[in-house]
Amino acid sequence: MNDNRPIVGITMGDPVGIGPELICLALNQPEVYDIARPLVIGDVQVLEHARLITRSPHLFVTVNSPGAGAYKPGCIDVLNVSNINPSFISWGRPTEKTGKAMEKYITTAIDKALNGDIAAIATCPINKTAMKLAKSRYHGHTELLADRTGTNDYAMMMAGSRLRVVLVTIHIPLAMVPVSLTIEKIITIIKITDNSLRDRFGIKRPKIVVAGLNPHSGEAGMFGDEERRIIEPAVTRSKAEDIDVSGPYPPDTIFYKALNGSWDAVVCMYHDQGLIPFKMIHFSDGVNTTLGLPIIRTSVDHGTAYDIAGKGIADPGSLIEAIKLAAGQAAYQIETSRGPA
């Protein structure tokens, strides 16, 4: 094994969702260990229960610190931070206790990453209902990550081998999108995208394209004027800062051209504008990564799937890709920090 493999902390996610099963299935793949030292941050009793369901042949070993792990195929290292008896929980039914444990996995991972004990985080899915039951201050991963790391400007990227999309607005009603867009907000997202493609993905001169909001990108104002008032000025000002960005272009053609290599990332105005084409291409292997944080964080691009939790049929593809992307970003960051030999 390569001792330079980065340690990737994998948070277990919701204990009653598919996260524990995903971990068992994903860490059955030897190629994960070729590029990373995977450290599960979760609950060893719940994981053992999931191991039986998935018929995973691997063993779980509890470690006291990231440095104590063996990180070899066949033996999954776990930093145990909760004590949940599987006999008292039910798949797909979150409780206050499981919700609080779910949040603790994330905060532990963030603190380990900030301290440099782990090189990156890959997160299994969590659930907003579970967060509410736990009386959490947060609705999801992103707000928690931003607050705990003191980050004001961040962005959500969905990344795959053929397409990357970054969102200007995320989980808001469609009717609120036009009034939420500002020149400054779009410029910020373009800058974060450019910096992240350079620093995390190793693209020296990223090519970024910006999607319009309206059909035909407004058609010279006939179908809306947000392009002319907001999006075009943001692109122009970003170009003036030596960013290779173009647009806004009609959303109905932009993704076809991106898939064929015209650009490295598409900046989208709202959630479904970016995620519908992305998931059509990368439904099983897409990765959610948060840009702008001082730490590396990737995630599966799906939810807790309560309806199939405990059945052993979850697809680990997205988690495998999330671990690979986290490890790749960490390895690139480590390599560039060393400078030339």
Protein backbone atom coordinates (compact mmCIF):
# COMPACT_ATOMS: atom_id res chain seq x y z
CA MET A 1 0.00 0.00 0.00
CA ASN A 2 1.02 3.58 -0.70
CA ASP A 3 1.60 5.28 2.66
CA ASN A 4 0.94 8.63 0.97
CA ARG A 5 -2.72 7.74 0.47
CA PRO A 6 -4.84 10.52 2.02
CA ILE A 7 -7.09 9.67 4.94
CA VAL A 8 -10.70 10.25 3.86
CA GLY A 9 -13.24 10.46 6.67
CA ILE A 10 -16.52 8.85 5.61
CA THR A 11 -19.44 9.98 7.74
CA MET A 12 -22.07 7.27 8.22
CA GLY A 13 -25.00 9.60 7.63
CA ASP A 14 -28.44 8.75 8.97
CA PRO A 15 -28.17 5.54 11.04
CA VAL A 16 -31.61 4.42 9.82
CA GLY A 17 -31.02 5.31 6.18
CA ILE A 18 -28.92 3.54 3.55
CA GLY A 19 -25.63 5.08 4.68
CA PRO A 20 -24.43 2.12 6.76
CA GLU A 21 -25.18 -0.27 3.89
CA LEU A 22 -23.45 1.98 1.36
CA ILE A 23 -20.31 1.92 3.48
CA CYS A 24 -20.30 -1.87 3.71
CA LEU A 25 -20.77 -2.20 -0.04
CA ALA A 26 -18.39 0.59 -1.10
CA LEU A 27 -15.53 -0.58 1.10
CA ASN A 28 -15.82 -4.05 -0.37
CA GLN A 29 -14.14 -2.56 -3.44
CA PRO A 30 -10.32 -2.95 -3.26
CA GLU A 31 -9.73 -0.02 -5.65
CA VAL A 32 -10.94 2.37 -2.94
CA TYR A 33 -7.94 1.34 -0.84
CA ASP A 34 -5.56 1.91 -3.76
CA ILE A 35 -6.12 5.67 -3.59
CA ALA A 36 -7.34 6.37 -0.05
CA ARG A 37 -7.19 5.40 3.59
CA PRO A 38 -10.95 5.28 4.34
CA LEU A 39 -11.92 6.02 7.93
CA VAL A 40 -15.58 5.54 8.78
CA ILE A 41 -16.94 8.02 11.32
CA GLY A 42 -20.10 6.52 12.75
CA ASP A 43 -21.43 3.71 14.92
CA VAL A 44 -19.82 0.28 14.85
CA GLN A 45 -22.93 -1.53 16.15
CA VAL A 46 -25.12 -0.12 13.38
CA LEU A 47 -22.43 -0.88 10.82
CA GLU A 48 -22.19 -4.47 12.04
CA HIS A 49 -25.95 -4.78 11.63
CA ALA A 50 -25.66 -3.42 8.08
CA ARG A 51 -22.79 -5.83 7.38
CA LEU A 52 -25.07 -8.78 8.06
CA ILE A 53 -27.77 -7.34 5.80
CA THR A 54 -25.34 -6.73 2.92
CA ARG A 55 -23.47 -9.99 3.58
CA SER A 56 -20.21 -8.10 3.55
CA PRO A 57 -17.24 -10.32 4.40
CA HIS A 58 -15.23 -7.47 5.91
CA LEU A 59 -14.60 -6.89 9.59
CA PHE A 60 -14.98 -3.62 11.50
CA VAL A 61 -12.20 -2.45 13.80
CA THR A 62 -12.65 0.46 16.19
CA VAL A 63 -9.77 2.95 16.30
CA ASN A 64 -9.17 5.79 18.73
CA SER A 65 -7.67 8.19 16.21
CA PRO A 66 -7.18 8.50 12.45
CA GLY A 67 -3.50 7.65 12.80
CA ALA A 68 -4.29 4.30 14.41
CA GLY A 69 -6.03 2.74 11.43
CA ALA A 70 -4.56 -0.12 9.40
CA TYR A 71 -6.43 0.89 6.22
CA LYS A 72 -6.19 -2.47 4.48
CA PRO A 73 -8.86 -4.21 2.39
CA GLY A 74 -10.89 -6.68 4.41
CA CYS A 75 -10.74 -4.65 7.62
CA ILE A 76 -12.77 -1.44 7.88
CA ASP A 77 -11.48 1.14 10.36
CA VAL A 78 -14.16 2.95 12.37
CA LEU A 79 -13.97 5.98 14.62
CA ASN A 80 -16.92 5.15 16.87
CA VAL A 81 -18.66 8.30 18.09
CA SER A 82 -22.12 7.02 19.09
CA ASN A 83 -23.61 4.07 20.91
CA ILE A 84 -26.80 2.97 19.21
CA ASN A 85 -28.30 -0.45 19.89
CA PRO A 86 -29.73 -1.69 16.57
CA SER A 87 -32.42 -3.58 18.49
CA PHE A 88 -34.01 -0.26 19.49
CA ILE A 89 -34.12 1.44 16.08
CA SER A 90 -36.00 0.71 12.87
CA TRP A 91 -34.80 1.26 9.32
CA GLY A 92 -36.40 4.33 7.78
CA ARG A 93 -37.66 5.68 11.11
CA PRO A 94 -35.45 8.42 12.54
CA THR A 95 -35.53 9.41 16.19
CA GLU A 96 -34.05 12.20 18.25
CA LYS A 97 -31.17 9.90 19.21
CA THR A 98 -30.34 8.82 15.66
CA GLY A 99 -30.65 12.42 14.48
CA LYS A 100 -28.21 13.69 17.10
CA ALA A 101 -25.77 10.90 16.28
CA MET A 102 -26.03 11.75 12.58
CA GLU A 103 -25.03 15.35 13.26
CA LYS A 104 -22.22 14.29 15.57
CA TYR A 105 -20.60 12.23 12.80
CA ILE A 106 -20.46 15.34 10.64
CA THR A 107 -19.13 17.73 13.30
CA THR A 108 -16.48 15.18 14.29
CA ALA A 109 -15.35 14.85 10.70
CA ILE A 110 -15.23 18.62 10.19
CA ASP A 111 -13.13 19.12 13.30
CA LYS A 112 -10.74 16.32 12.28
CA ALA A 113 -10.37 17.89 8.83
CA LEU A 114 -9.79 21.38 10.24
CA ASN A 115 -7.12 19.97 12.55
CA GLY A 116 -5.44 18.15 9.68
CA ASP A 117 -6.09 14.71 11.17
CA ILE A 118 -7.89 13.68 7.99
CA ALA A 119 -7.35 15.04 4.48
CA ALA A 120 -10.94 15.10 3.25
CA ILE A 121 -14.54 14.20 4.06
CA ALA A 122 -16.98 12.07 2.06
CA THR A 123 -20.48 12.17 3.50
CA CYS A 124 -23.27 9.61 3.39
CA PRO A 125 -26.82 10.99 3.13
CA ILE A 126 -28.68 12.69 5.96
CA ASN A 127 -32.34 13.62 6.35
CA LYS A 128 -33.99 16.94 7.15
CA THR A 129 -36.69 15.28 9.26
CA ALA A 130 -33.99 13.61 11.34
CA MET A 131 -32.24 16.96 11.82
CA LYS A 132 -35.52 18.46 13.00
CA LEU A 133 -36.11 15.60 15.45
CA ALA A 134 -32.61 16.22 16.82
CA LYS A 135 -33.51 19.91 17.32
CA SER A 136 -30.59 20.87 15.12
CA ARG A 137 -29.91 24.47 14.11
CA TYR A 138 -29.28 23.28 10.56
CA HIS A 139 -31.35 21.92 7.69
CA GLY A 140 -28.54 19.98 6.06
CA HIS A 141 -24.87 19.37 5.44
CA THR A 142 -24.03 22.61 3.67
CA GLU A 143 -25.23 25.03 6.34
CA LEU A 144 -23.51 22.99 9.05
CA LEU A 145 -20.24 22.81 7.10
CA ALA A 146 -20.27 26.53 6.33
CA ASP A 147 -21.01 27.55 9.91
CA ARG A 148 -18.50 25.25 11.56
CA THR A 149 -15.73 26.23 9.14
CA GLY A 150 -16.58 29.95 9.25
CA THR A 151 -17.27 30.08 5.52
CA ASN A 152 -19.45 32.84 4.07
CA ASP A 153 -19.13 32.18 0.34
CA TYR A 154 -19.56 28.64 -0.91
CA ALA A 155 -21.20 26.79 -3.77
CA MET A 156 -22.68 23.39 -4.57
CA MET A 157 -21.12 21.51 -7.48
CA MET A 158 -22.38 18.26 -8.93
CA ALA A 159 -19.38 16.56 -10.51
CA GLY A 160 -19.09 13.61 -12.87
CA SER A 161 -16.64 12.37 -15.46
CA ARG A 162 -18.53 14.11 -18.28
CA LEU A 163 -20.33 17.05 -16.68
CA ARG A 164 -19.91 19.51 -13.82
CA VAL A 165 -22.65 21.93 -12.79
CA VAL A 166 -22.54 24.65 -10.14
CA LEU A 167 -25.67 26.28 -8.73
CA VAL A 168 -26.25 29.98 -8.01
CA THR A 169 -29.46 29.29 -6.07
CA ILE A 170 -30.21 25.91 -4.51
CA HIS A 171 -33.20 24.88 -2.39
CA ILE A 172 -35.67 27.70 -2.92
CA PRO A 173 -39.07 27.82 -4.68
CA LEU A 174 -38.81 28.40 -8.42
CA ALA A 175 -40.84 31.60 -8.07
CA MET A 176 -38.11 33.01 -5.80
CA VAL A 177 -35.24 32.42 -8.22
CA PRO A 178 -35.51 35.62 -10.34
CA VAL A 179 -35.68 37.90 -7.30
CA SER A 180 -32.81 36.05 -5.62
CA LEU A 181 -30.34 36.58 -8.45
CA THR A 182 -27.90 39.47 -8.18
CA ILE A 183 -24.83 40.48 -10.15
CA GLU A 184 -22.64 40.10 -7.07
CA LYS A 185 -24.02 36.65 -6.23
CA ILE A 186 -23.34 35.32 -9.73
CA ILE A 187 -19.82 36.83 -9.76
CA THR A 188 -19.11 35.13 -6.43
CA ILE A 189 -20.20 31.74 -7.76
CA ILE A 190 -18.13 32.19 -10.93
CA LYS A 191 -15.04 33.07 -8.86
CA ILE A 192 -15.50 30.13 -6.49
CA THR A 193 -15.93 27.81 -9.47
CA ASP A 194 -12.79 29.13 -11.17
CA ASN A 195 -10.69 28.87 -8.01
CA SER A 196 -11.94 25.38 -7.18
CA LEU A 197 -11.34 24.01 -10.68
CA ARG A 198 -7.76 25.26 -10.38
CA ASP A 199 -7.02 24.31 -6.78
CA ARG A 200 -9.04 21.11 -6.37
CA PHE A 201 -9.38 19.69 -9.88
CA GLY A 202 -5.97 20.73 -11.22
CA ILE A 203 -7.31 22.57 -14.28
CA LYS A 204 -4.82 25.36 -14.96
CA ARG A 205 -7.08 27.55 -17.10
CA PRO A 206 -10.71 26.53 -16.52
CA LYS A 207 -13.37 27.28 -19.11
CA ILE A 208 -16.66 28.21 -17.47
CA VAL A 209 -20.01 28.83 -19.13
CA VAL A 210 -23.06 30.51 -17.62
CA ALA A 211 -26.62 29.44 -18.39
CA GLY A 212 -29.36 31.96 -18.95
CA LEU A 213 -32.45 31.96 -16.78
CA ASN A 214 -35.17 32.27 -19.40
CA PRO A 215 -36.02 30.35 -22.59
CA HIS A 216 -33.62 31.29 -25.39
CA SER A 217 -31.66 33.23 -22.75
CA GLY A 218 -34.35 35.90 -22.81
CA GLU A 219 -34.39 36.39 -26.61
CA ALA A 220 -33.25 40.01 -26.36
CA GLY A 221 -35.70 40.72 -23.56
CA MET A 222 -38.82 39.18 -25.12
CA PHE A 223 -38.95 36.34 -22.57
CA GLY A 224 -37.41 38.09 -19.59
CA ASP A 225 -34.72 40.66 -18.91
CA GLU A 226 -32.68 38.97 -16.14
CA GLU A 227 -29.98 38.06 -18.66
CA ARG A 228 -29.53 41.65 -19.75
CA ARG A 229 -29.87 43.22 -16.29
CA ILE A 230 -28.06 40.71 -14.10
CA ILE A 231 -26.35 37.76 -15.75
CA GLU A 232 -24.55 39.52 -18.62
CA PRO A 233 -23.00 42.19 -16.34
CA ALA A 234 -21.82 39.45 -13.98
CA VAL A 235 -20.13 37.59 -16.83
CA THR A 236 -18.55 40.80 -18.17
CA ARG A 237 -17.15 41.78 -14.78
CA SER A 238 -15.82 38.25 -14.22
CA LYS A 239 -14.04 38.35 -17.58
CA ALA A 240 -12.40 41.61 -16.51
CA GLU A 241 -10.84 39.65 -13.62
CA ASP A 242 -9.14 37.30 -16.08
CA ILE A 243 -11.61 34.45 -15.71
CA ASP A 244 -12.32 32.46 -18.87
CA VAL A 245 -16.11 32.63 -18.68
CA SER A 246 -18.76 33.05 -21.35
CA GLY A 247 -22.53 33.36 -21.58
CA PRO A 248 -25.29 33.59 -20.76
CA TYR A 249 -26.31 30.99 -23.33
CA PRO A 250 -29.68 29.26 -23.81
CA PRO A 251 -30.11 26.45 -21.27
CA ASP A 252 -31.56 24.09 -23.89
CA THR A 253 -28.25 23.81 -25.78
CA ILE A 254 -25.57 24.55 -23.21
CA PHE A 255 -25.41 21.08 -21.63
CA TYR A 256 -25.01 19.28 -24.94
CA LYS A 257 -21.95 21.38 -25.71
CA ALA A 258 -20.58 20.94 -22.18
CA LEU A 259 -20.89 17.17 -22.51
CA ASN A 260 -18.81 17.39 -25.66
CA GLY A 261 -15.96 19.17 -23.91
CA SER A 262 -16.56 22.83 -24.71
CA TRP A 263 -16.40 23.86 -21.05
CA ASP A 264 -15.14 22.54 -17.70
CA ALA A 265 -18.22 23.60 -15.72
CA VAL A 266 -21.67 25.08 -16.22
CA VAL A 267 -22.90 27.73 -13.79
CA CYS A 268 -26.68 27.29 -13.48
CA MET A 269 -29.22 29.73 -12.11
CA TYR A 270 -31.37 27.25 -10.16
CA HIS A 271 -31.47 23.71 -8.79
CA ASP A 272 -33.34 21.75 -11.44
CA GLN A 273 -31.75 23.60 -14.33
CA GLY A 274 -28.48 21.93 -13.41
CA LEU A 275 -29.55 18.69 -11.74
CA ILE A 276 -31.97 17.40 -14.37
CA PRO A 277 -29.30 17.13 -17.11
CA PHE A 278 -26.66 16.09 -14.60
CA LYS A 279 -28.64 13.20 -13.18
CA MET A 280 -29.66 12.06 -16.63
CA ILE A 281 -25.96 11.46 -17.31
CA HIS A 282 -24.60 10.69 -13.82
CA PHE A 283 -27.52 9.21 -11.90
CA SER A 284 -25.46 6.40 -10.35
CA ASP A 285 -21.99 7.91 -10.22
CA GLY A 286 -22.52 11.63 -9.63
CA VAL A 287 -20.86 13.39 -6.70
CA ASN A 288 -21.88 16.47 -4.74
CA THR A 289 -18.90 18.55 -3.65
CA THR A 290 -18.98 21.81 -1.70
CA LEU A 291 -16.76 24.52 -3.18
CA GLY A 292 -15.28 27.40 -1.21
CA LEU A 293 -14.70 25.56 2.09
CA PRO A 294 -11.26 25.44 3.73
CA ILE A 295 -11.63 21.65 3.80
CA ILE A 296 -12.42 19.09 1.09
CA ARG A 297 -15.94 17.70 1.24
CA THR A 298 -17.68 15.41 -1.21
CA SER A 299 -20.95 13.56 -0.87
CA VAL A 300 -23.29 11.12 -2.52
CA ASP A 301 -25.80 12.88 -4.76
CA HIS A 302 -28.88 11.15 -3.35
CA GLY A 303 -30.88 10.93 -0.14
CA THR A 304 -31.36 8.47 2.70
CA ALA A 305 -33.76 6.27 0.69
CA TYR A 306 -35.79 5.22 3.72
CA ASP A 307 -37.98 3.07 1.46
CA ILE A 308 -35.14 0.63 0.73
CA ALA A 309 -33.08 1.03 3.92
CA GLY A 310 -32.29 -2.29 5.55
CA LYS A 311 -32.91 -4.31 2.39
CA GLY A 312 -29.29 -4.56 1.24
CA ILE A 313 -30.06 -3.33 -2.27
CA ALA A 314 -28.63 0.21 -2.16
CA ASP A 315 -26.27 1.21 -4.98
CA PRO A 316 -22.86 2.28 -3.61
CA GLY A 317 -21.72 3.81 -6.90
CA SER A 318 -22.09 7.44 -5.86
CA LEU A 319 -20.29 6.87 -2.54
CA ILE A 320 -17.41 5.11 -4.29
CA GLU A 321 -17.06 8.07 -6.67
CA ALA A 322 -17.33 10.53 -3.75
CA ILE A 323 -14.46 8.80 -1.96
CA LYS A 324 -12.39 8.78 -5.14
CA LEU A 325 -13.03 12.47 -5.81
CA ALA A 326 -12.22 13.41 -2.20
CA ALA A 327 -9.01 11.39 -2.33
CA GLY A 328 -8.05 12.85 -5.69
CA GLN A 329 -8.59 16.43 -4.53
CA ALA A 330 -6.64 15.75 -1.34
CA ALA A 331 -3.76 14.13 -3.23
CA TYR A 332 -3.58 17.06 -5.65
CA GLN A 333 -3.64 19.56 -2.79
CA ILE A 334 -0.88 17.69 -0.96
CA GLU A 335 1.23 17.47 -4.10
CA THR A 336 0.90 21.15 -5.01
CA SER A 337 1.63 22.25 -1.44
CA ARG A 338 4.99 20.54 -1.67
CA GLY A 339 6.00 22.50 -4.72
CA PRO A 340 8.57 21.36 -7.29
CA ALA A 341 11.06 18.72 -6.19
